[in-house]
Amino acid sequence: MKAVIQRVSQASVSIDDLIAGRISKGLLVLICAETADTESTADRLLAKLLKLRVFSDAAGKMNRSIQDVEGGLLIVSQFTLAADVWSGNRPGFTGAADPKTGERLYDYFVQAARKLHPIVETGAFGANMQVNLVNDGPVTIPIQL
């Protein structure tokens, strides 16, 4: 799985001008399932995400996790993270999981996150979404498992 996480002071995702999910301080998580991914891959990504120390402690060092700061997670599916742009000018997406598998793994990831973290908001798999955020720092970190 691939993910891009952004530390935010606020973020929201809208579908057809209606807010589907909104968080204040936390992490915006853009995720993409790839062809070889399984539930085990999703579990490893979630474990990494929940323990990743990207929030500042009292000394201003990035030393606290999303769980430490009790922040929100806004999880948004984004198959374009699997884009291959190395041949030609039009991105290819053959590395992305097929839509059925991608949706199953996205749903699995969201449900697992909800079991382990109290504040989880989402977009909708496959929807045309508008994501708004205030990147705090800015801190943006790509993760690939």
N, C-alpha and C. Protein backbone atom coordinates (compact mmCIF):
# COMPACT_ATOMS: atom_id res chain seq x y z
N MET A 1 0.85 -1.18 0.00
CA MET A 1 0.00 0.00 0.00
C MET A 1 0.89 1.23 0.00
N LYS A 2 0.36 2.26 -0.61
CA LYS A 2 1.02 3.55 -0.58
C LYS A 2 0.13 4.51 0.20
N ALA A 3 0.78 5.42 0.91
CA ALA A 3 0.04 6.46 1.62
C ALA A 3 0.86 7.74 1.59
N VAL A 4 0.14 8.84 1.59
CA VAL A 4 0.75 10.14 1.82
C VAL A 4 0.00 10.70 3.02
N ILE A 5 0.77 11.01 4.06
CA ILE A 5 0.14 11.59 5.24
C ILE A 5 0.54 13.05 5.35
N GLN A 6 -0.40 13.85 5.77
CA GLN A 6 -0.14 15.26 6.00
C GLN A 6 -0.63 15.62 7.39
N ARG A 7 0.27 16.22 8.17
CA ARG A 7 -0.12 16.71 9.49
C ARG A 7 -0.93 17.98 9.25
N VAL A 8 -2.12 18.03 9.81
CA VAL A 8 -3.02 19.15 9.55
C VAL A 8 -3.53 19.78 10.84
N SER A 9 -3.84 21.07 10.74
CA SER A 9 -4.56 21.71 11.84
C SER A 9 -6.06 21.58 11.61
N GLN A 10 -6.44 21.33 10.34
CA GLN A 10 -7.82 21.01 10.00
C GLN A 10 -7.85 20.46 8.59
N ALA A 11 -8.83 19.62 8.32
CA ALA A 11 -9.00 19.05 6.98
C ALA A 11 -10.43 18.57 6.83
N SER A 12 -10.89 18.59 5.59
CA SER A 12 -12.23 18.07 5.30
C SER A 12 -12.24 17.51 3.89
N VAL A 13 -13.21 16.63 3.66
CA VAL A 13 -13.44 16.09 2.33
C VAL A 13 -14.92 16.26 2.02
N SER A 14 -15.20 16.78 0.81
CA SER A 14 -16.57 17.01 0.39
C SER A 14 -16.88 16.20 -0.86
N ILE A 15 -18.14 15.79 -0.96
CA ILE A 15 -18.65 15.08 -2.13
C ILE A 15 -19.94 15.79 -2.53
N ASP A 16 -19.99 16.27 -3.76
CA ASP A 16 -21.16 17.02 -4.25
C ASP A 16 -21.51 18.18 -3.31
N ASP A 17 -20.50 18.91 -2.89
CA ASP A 17 -20.62 20.08 -2.03
C ASP A 17 -21.13 19.78 -0.62
N LEU A 18 -21.17 18.52 -0.23
CA LEU A 18 -21.56 18.14 1.13
C LEU A 18 -20.34 17.56 1.82
N ILE A 19 -20.08 18.01 3.05
CA ILE A 19 -18.92 17.52 3.78
C ILE A 19 -19.16 16.08 4.22
N ALA A 20 -18.27 15.19 3.79
CA ALA A 20 -18.36 13.77 4.14
C ALA A 20 -17.56 13.47 5.41
N GLY A 21 -16.47 14.18 5.61
CA GLY A 21 -15.63 13.97 6.78
C GLY A 21 -14.85 15.23 7.10
N ARG A 22 -14.61 15.45 8.38
CA ARG A 22 -13.90 16.66 8.82
C ARG A 22 -13.17 16.35 10.12
N ILE A 23 -11.93 16.84 10.21
CA ILE A 23 -11.17 16.73 11.45
C ILE A 23 -10.52 18.07 11.76
N SER A 24 -10.17 18.25 13.02
CA SER A 24 -9.32 19.38 13.38
C SER A 24 -7.90 18.82 13.42
N LYS A 25 -7.14 19.07 14.45
CA LYS A 25 -5.75 18.60 14.52
C LYS A 25 -5.67 17.10 14.27
N GLY A 26 -4.78 16.71 13.37
CA GLY A 26 -4.62 15.29 13.09
C GLY A 26 -3.85 15.03 11.83
N LEU A 27 -4.22 13.92 11.17
CA LEU A 27 -3.55 13.49 9.96
C LEU A 27 -4.55 13.27 8.84
N LEU A 28 -4.28 13.87 7.70
CA LEU A 28 -4.97 13.53 6.46
C LEU A 28 -4.18 12.38 5.86
N VAL A 29 -4.86 11.28 5.58
CA VAL A 29 -4.21 10.07 5.08
C VAL A 29 -4.79 9.74 3.71
N LEU A 30 -3.99 9.92 2.67
CA LEU A 30 -4.37 9.51 1.33
C LEU A 30 -3.80 8.11 1.13
N ILE A 31 -4.65 7.12 0.79
CA ILE A 31 -4.14 5.75 0.67
C ILE A 31 -4.53 5.13 -0.66
N CYS A 32 -3.66 4.22 -1.09
CA CYS A 32 -3.86 3.51 -2.35
C CYS A 32 -3.46 2.06 -2.16
N ALA A 33 -4.35 1.15 -2.51
CA ALA A 33 -4.02 -0.27 -2.51
C ALA A 33 -3.39 -0.61 -3.86
N GLU A 34 -2.33 -1.41 -3.80
CA GLU A 34 -1.66 -1.85 -5.02
C GLU A 34 -1.94 -3.33 -5.24
N THR A 35 -1.52 -3.83 -6.41
CA THR A 35 -1.93 -5.17 -6.84
C THR A 35 -1.57 -6.29 -5.87
N ALA A 36 -0.45 -6.23 -5.21
CA ALA A 36 -0.02 -7.32 -4.33
C ALA A 36 -0.46 -7.14 -2.87
N ASP A 37 -1.21 -6.09 -2.57
CA ASP A 37 -1.57 -5.79 -1.18
C ASP A 37 -2.63 -6.72 -0.63
N THR A 38 -2.56 -6.93 0.69
CA THR A 38 -3.50 -7.78 1.41
C THR A 38 -3.91 -7.07 2.70
N GLU A 39 -4.75 -7.73 3.47
CA GLU A 39 -5.14 -7.20 4.77
C GLU A 39 -3.91 -7.04 5.66
N SER A 40 -2.96 -7.93 5.53
CA SER A 40 -1.73 -7.84 6.32
C SER A 40 -0.96 -6.55 5.99
N THR A 41 -0.94 -6.19 4.72
CA THR A 41 -0.30 -4.94 4.31
C THR A 41 -1.01 -3.76 4.95
N ALA A 42 -2.33 -3.79 4.93
CA ALA A 42 -3.13 -2.72 5.53
C ALA A 42 -2.87 -2.63 7.03
N ASP A 43 -2.78 -3.77 7.70
CA ASP A 43 -2.49 -3.79 9.14
C ASP A 43 -1.14 -3.16 9.44
N ARG A 44 -0.13 -3.49 8.64
CA ARG A 44 1.21 -2.92 8.85
C ARG A 44 1.21 -1.41 8.63
N LEU A 45 0.50 -0.96 7.59
CA LEU A 45 0.42 0.48 7.32
C LEU A 45 -0.28 1.19 8.47
N LEU A 46 -1.37 0.64 8.97
CA LEU A 46 -2.09 1.27 10.08
C LEU A 46 -1.23 1.32 11.34
N ALA A 47 -0.53 0.23 11.63
CA ALA A 47 0.34 0.22 12.81
C ALA A 47 1.41 1.30 12.70
N LYS A 48 2.00 1.43 11.54
CA LYS A 48 3.02 2.47 11.32
C LYS A 48 2.41 3.86 11.49
N LEU A 49 1.26 4.07 10.90
CA LEU A 49 0.59 5.36 10.95
C LEU A 49 0.25 5.78 12.37
N LEU A 50 -0.27 4.86 13.17
CA LEU A 50 -0.69 5.20 14.53
C LEU A 50 0.49 5.48 15.46
N LYS A 51 1.65 4.95 15.16
CA LYS A 51 2.84 5.14 16.01
C LYS A 51 3.81 6.19 15.48
N LEU A 52 3.60 6.65 14.25
CA LEU A 52 4.52 7.60 13.62
C LEU A 52 4.56 8.90 14.41
N ARG A 53 5.75 9.29 14.84
CA ARG A 53 5.90 10.47 15.70
C ARG A 53 6.14 11.71 14.83
N VAL A 54 5.05 12.39 14.50
CA VAL A 54 5.13 13.57 13.63
C VAL A 54 4.55 14.83 14.29
N PHE A 55 4.15 14.71 15.55
CA PHE A 55 3.62 15.86 16.29
C PHE A 55 4.65 16.32 17.31
N SER A 56 4.70 17.61 17.52
CA SER A 56 5.71 18.20 18.40
C SER A 56 5.44 17.94 19.86
N ASP A 57 6.52 17.72 20.61
CA ASP A 57 6.44 17.63 22.06
C ASP A 57 6.67 19.02 22.64
N ALA A 58 6.79 19.13 23.95
CA ALA A 58 6.96 20.44 24.62
C ALA A 58 8.24 21.15 24.18
N ALA A 59 9.23 20.38 23.74
CA ALA A 59 10.50 20.98 23.29
C ALA A 59 10.49 21.33 21.81
N GLY A 60 9.35 21.09 21.13
CA GLY A 60 9.25 21.41 19.72
C GLY A 60 9.79 20.34 18.78
N LYS A 61 10.14 19.18 19.32
CA LYS A 61 10.65 18.06 18.51
C LYS A 61 9.49 17.17 18.08
N MET A 62 9.56 16.65 16.85
CA MET A 62 8.54 15.70 16.40
C MET A 62 8.76 14.39 17.16
N ASN A 63 7.98 14.22 18.23
CA ASN A 63 8.20 13.11 19.14
C ASN A 63 6.90 12.50 19.63
N ARG A 64 5.76 12.94 19.08
CA ARG A 64 4.46 12.46 19.55
C ARG A 64 3.66 11.90 18.39
N SER A 65 2.91 10.85 18.65
CA SER A 65 2.10 10.19 17.62
C SER A 65 0.68 10.77 17.60
N ILE A 66 -0.08 10.35 16.62
CA ILE A 66 -1.49 10.75 16.53
C ILE A 66 -2.25 10.28 17.76
N GLN A 67 -1.87 9.13 18.30
CA GLN A 67 -2.52 8.63 19.51
C GLN A 67 -2.12 9.47 20.72
N ASP A 68 -0.87 9.90 20.77
CA ASP A 68 -0.41 10.72 21.89
C ASP A 68 -1.16 12.05 21.96
N VAL A 69 -1.44 12.64 20.80
CA VAL A 69 -2.08 13.97 20.78
C VAL A 69 -3.60 13.88 20.66
N GLU A 70 -4.11 12.65 20.56
CA GLU A 70 -5.55 12.40 20.45
C GLU A 70 -6.15 13.18 19.28
N GLY A 71 -5.44 13.16 18.16
CA GLY A 71 -5.88 13.85 16.96
C GLY A 71 -6.78 12.98 16.11
N GLY A 72 -7.33 13.59 15.08
CA GLY A 72 -8.21 12.88 14.17
C GLY A 72 -7.48 12.30 12.97
N LEU A 73 -8.09 11.30 12.38
CA LEU A 73 -7.63 10.74 11.12
C LEU A 73 -8.70 11.00 10.07
N LEU A 74 -8.30 11.56 8.95
CA LEU A 74 -9.20 11.70 7.80
C LEU A 74 -8.61 10.83 6.70
N ILE A 75 -9.27 9.71 6.42
CA ILE A 75 -8.75 8.71 5.50
C ILE A 75 -9.48 8.83 4.17
N VAL A 76 -8.70 9.05 3.10
CA VAL A 76 -9.26 9.28 1.78
C VAL A 76 -8.59 8.33 0.79
N SER A 77 -9.38 7.60 0.03
CA SER A 77 -8.82 6.72 -0.99
C SER A 77 -8.31 7.56 -2.16
N GLN A 78 -7.15 7.16 -2.69
CA GLN A 78 -6.58 7.91 -3.81
C GLN A 78 -5.74 6.96 -4.66
N PHE A 79 -6.40 6.33 -5.64
CA PHE A 79 -5.70 5.36 -6.48
C PHE A 79 -4.60 6.01 -7.31
N THR A 80 -4.64 7.32 -7.50
CA THR A 80 -3.63 7.99 -8.32
C THR A 80 -2.24 7.95 -7.68
N LEU A 81 -2.15 7.54 -6.42
CA LEU A 81 -0.83 7.37 -5.81
C LEU A 81 -0.05 6.25 -6.50
N ALA A 82 -0.74 5.38 -7.22
CA ALA A 82 -0.08 4.29 -7.94
C ALA A 82 0.34 4.70 -9.35
N ALA A 83 0.23 5.97 -9.68
CA ALA A 83 0.53 6.44 -11.03
C ALA A 83 1.97 6.12 -11.44
N ASP A 84 2.09 5.65 -12.67
CA ASP A 84 3.40 5.45 -13.29
C ASP A 84 3.52 6.52 -14.37
N VAL A 85 4.50 7.41 -14.20
CA VAL A 85 4.65 8.53 -15.14
C VAL A 85 5.95 8.46 -15.93
N TRP A 86 6.63 7.31 -15.90
CA TRP A 86 7.96 7.24 -16.50
C TRP A 86 7.97 7.00 -18.00
N SER A 87 6.88 6.52 -18.55
CA SER A 87 6.86 6.35 -20.01
C SER A 87 5.70 7.15 -20.57
N GLY A 88 6.03 8.14 -21.36
CA GLY A 88 5.00 9.00 -21.93
C GLY A 88 4.57 10.08 -20.97
N ASN A 89 3.52 10.79 -21.35
CA ASN A 89 3.04 11.92 -20.55
C ASN A 89 1.70 11.66 -19.89
N ARG A 90 1.11 10.52 -20.16
CA ARG A 90 -0.15 10.18 -19.52
C ARG A 90 0.11 9.13 -18.46
N PRO A 91 -0.29 9.39 -17.21
CA PRO A 91 -0.03 8.42 -16.14
C PRO A 91 -0.72 7.09 -16.41
N GLY A 92 -0.04 6.02 -16.06
CA GLY A 92 -0.64 4.69 -16.09
C GLY A 92 -0.93 4.23 -14.68
N PHE A 93 -1.96 3.42 -14.52
CA PHE A 93 -2.38 3.01 -13.18
C PHE A 93 -2.44 1.50 -13.02
N THR A 94 -1.63 0.78 -13.78
CA THR A 94 -1.65 -0.68 -13.70
C THR A 94 -1.15 -1.19 -12.36
N GLY A 95 -0.43 -0.37 -11.61
CA GLY A 95 0.05 -0.79 -10.29
C GLY A 95 -1.01 -0.75 -9.21
N ALA A 96 -2.11 -0.05 -9.49
CA ALA A 96 -3.20 0.04 -8.50
C ALA A 96 -3.99 -1.26 -8.48
N ALA A 97 -4.49 -1.61 -7.31
CA ALA A 97 -5.37 -2.78 -7.20
C ALA A 97 -6.61 -2.53 -8.03
N ASP A 98 -7.23 -3.61 -8.51
CA ASP A 98 -8.49 -3.45 -9.24
C ASP A 98 -9.51 -2.81 -8.30
N PRO A 99 -10.53 -2.13 -8.83
CA PRO A 99 -11.47 -1.40 -7.98
C PRO A 99 -12.12 -2.23 -6.87
N LYS A 100 -12.49 -3.46 -7.16
CA LYS A 100 -13.13 -4.30 -6.14
C LYS A 100 -12.17 -4.58 -4.98
N THR A 101 -10.94 -4.95 -5.31
CA THR A 101 -9.93 -5.21 -4.28
C THR A 101 -9.56 -3.93 -3.55
N GLY A 102 -9.40 -2.85 -4.29
CA GLY A 102 -9.07 -1.56 -3.68
C GLY A 102 -10.12 -1.13 -2.67
N GLU A 103 -11.38 -1.26 -3.04
CA GLU A 103 -12.46 -0.88 -2.12
C GLU A 103 -12.48 -1.78 -0.89
N ARG A 104 -12.29 -3.09 -1.10
CA ARG A 104 -12.27 -4.03 0.03
C ARG A 104 -11.15 -3.68 1.00
N LEU A 105 -9.96 -3.39 0.50
CA LEU A 105 -8.83 -3.05 1.37
C LEU A 105 -9.00 -1.68 2.02
N TYR A 106 -9.58 -0.73 1.30
CA TYR A 106 -9.87 0.58 1.88
C TYR A 106 -10.85 0.42 3.05
N ASP A 107 -11.94 -0.31 2.80
CA ASP A 107 -12.93 -0.53 3.86
C ASP A 107 -12.31 -1.25 5.05
N TYR A 108 -11.48 -2.24 4.78
CA TYR A 108 -10.79 -2.97 5.85
C TYR A 108 -9.92 -2.02 6.67
N PHE A 109 -9.15 -1.18 5.98
CA PHE A 109 -8.27 -0.22 6.65
C PHE A 109 -9.07 0.73 7.54
N VAL A 110 -10.17 1.26 7.02
CA VAL A 110 -11.00 2.20 7.78
C VAL A 110 -11.58 1.51 9.01
N GLN A 111 -12.12 0.30 8.85
CA GLN A 111 -12.72 -0.41 9.98
C GLN A 111 -11.66 -0.74 11.05
N ALA A 112 -10.48 -1.14 10.60
CA ALA A 112 -9.40 -1.43 11.55
C ALA A 112 -8.99 -0.16 12.29
N ALA A 113 -8.91 0.95 11.57
CA ALA A 113 -8.56 2.24 12.20
C ALA A 113 -9.61 2.61 13.25
N ARG A 114 -10.87 2.40 12.95
CA ARG A 114 -11.94 2.75 13.89
C ARG A 114 -11.91 1.90 15.15
N LYS A 115 -11.37 0.69 15.05
CA LYS A 115 -11.24 -0.16 16.23
C LYS A 115 -10.10 0.30 17.13
N LEU A 116 -9.10 0.95 16.55
CA LEU A 116 -7.89 1.30 17.29
C LEU A 116 -7.76 2.79 17.62
N HIS A 117 -8.58 3.63 16.99
CA HIS A 117 -8.44 5.07 17.18
C HIS A 117 -9.82 5.71 17.27
N PRO A 118 -10.01 6.64 18.21
CA PRO A 118 -11.36 7.15 18.46
C PRO A 118 -11.92 8.13 17.42
N ILE A 119 -11.06 8.82 16.68
CA ILE A 119 -11.55 9.83 15.74
C ILE A 119 -11.10 9.46 14.33
N VAL A 120 -12.03 8.88 13.55
CA VAL A 120 -11.73 8.49 12.18
C VAL A 120 -12.86 8.98 11.29
N GLU A 121 -12.50 9.81 10.33
CA GLU A 121 -13.44 10.31 9.33
C GLU A 121 -12.96 9.84 7.96
N THR A 122 -13.85 9.83 6.96
CA THR A 122 -13.48 9.32 5.64
C THR A 122 -14.15 10.12 4.53
N GLY A 123 -13.66 9.84 3.35
CA GLY A 123 -14.34 10.22 2.12
C GLY A 123 -15.18 9.02 1.70
N ALA A 124 -15.36 8.85 0.39
CA ALA A 124 -16.09 7.69 -0.14
C ALA A 124 -15.28 7.09 -1.27
N PHE A 125 -15.04 5.81 -1.21
CA PHE A 125 -14.23 5.15 -2.22
C PHE A 125 -14.81 5.40 -3.61
N GLY A 126 -13.95 5.80 -4.52
CA GLY A 126 -14.33 5.98 -5.92
C GLY A 126 -15.10 7.24 -6.23
N ALA A 127 -15.40 8.05 -5.23
CA ALA A 127 -16.16 9.28 -5.46
C ALA A 127 -15.25 10.39 -5.95
N ASN A 128 -15.83 11.36 -6.63
CA ASN A 128 -15.12 12.58 -6.98
C ASN A 128 -15.19 13.47 -5.74
N MET A 129 -14.03 13.67 -5.11
CA MET A 129 -13.99 14.36 -3.83
C MET A 129 -13.16 15.62 -3.93
N GLN A 130 -13.49 16.58 -3.09
CA GLN A 130 -12.69 17.79 -2.94
C GLN A 130 -12.14 17.76 -1.51
N VAL A 131 -10.82 17.82 -1.42
CA VAL A 131 -10.15 17.76 -0.13
C VAL A 131 -9.60 19.13 0.20
N ASN A 132 -9.94 19.63 1.36
CA ASN A 132 -9.42 20.91 1.85
C ASN A 132 -8.61 20.63 3.11
N LEU A 133 -7.46 21.32 3.22
CA LEU A 133 -6.64 21.10 4.38
C LEU A 133 -5.78 22.31 4.67
N VAL A 134 -5.40 22.41 5.94
CA VAL A 134 -4.36 23.34 6.35
C VAL A 134 -3.22 22.47 6.84
N ASN A 135 -2.18 22.37 6.02
CA ASN A 135 -1.03 21.53 6.34
C ASN A 135 -0.24 22.23 7.43
N ASP A 136 -0.04 21.54 8.54
CA ASP A 136 0.64 22.09 9.70
C ASP A 136 2.13 21.79 9.62
N GLY A 137 2.92 22.79 9.42
CA GLY A 137 4.38 22.62 9.39
C GLY A 137 5.03 23.32 8.21
N PRO A 138 4.86 22.91 7.00
CA PRO A 138 4.11 21.75 6.53
C PRO A 138 4.85 20.45 6.79
N VAL A 139 4.07 19.42 7.11
CA VAL A 139 4.61 18.08 7.27
C VAL A 139 3.84 17.17 6.33
N THR A 140 4.54 16.60 5.36
CA THR A 140 3.97 15.69 4.40
C THR A 140 4.95 14.53 4.23
N ILE A 141 4.45 13.29 4.46
CA ILE A 141 5.33 12.13 4.47
C ILE A 141 4.72 11.02 3.61
N PRO A 142 5.47 10.57 2.59
CA PRO A 142 5.01 9.41 1.82
C PRO A 142 5.43 8.12 2.53
N ILE A 143 4.57 7.12 2.46
CA ILE A 143 4.87 5.81 3.05
C ILE A 143 4.51 4.75 2.00
N GLN A 144 5.41 3.80 1.78
CA GLN A 144 5.12 2.69 0.90
C GLN A 144 5.51 1.39 1.58
N LEU A 145 4.57 0.47 1.67
CA LEU A 145 4.84 -0.85 2.26
C LEU A 145 4.71 -1.91 1.20
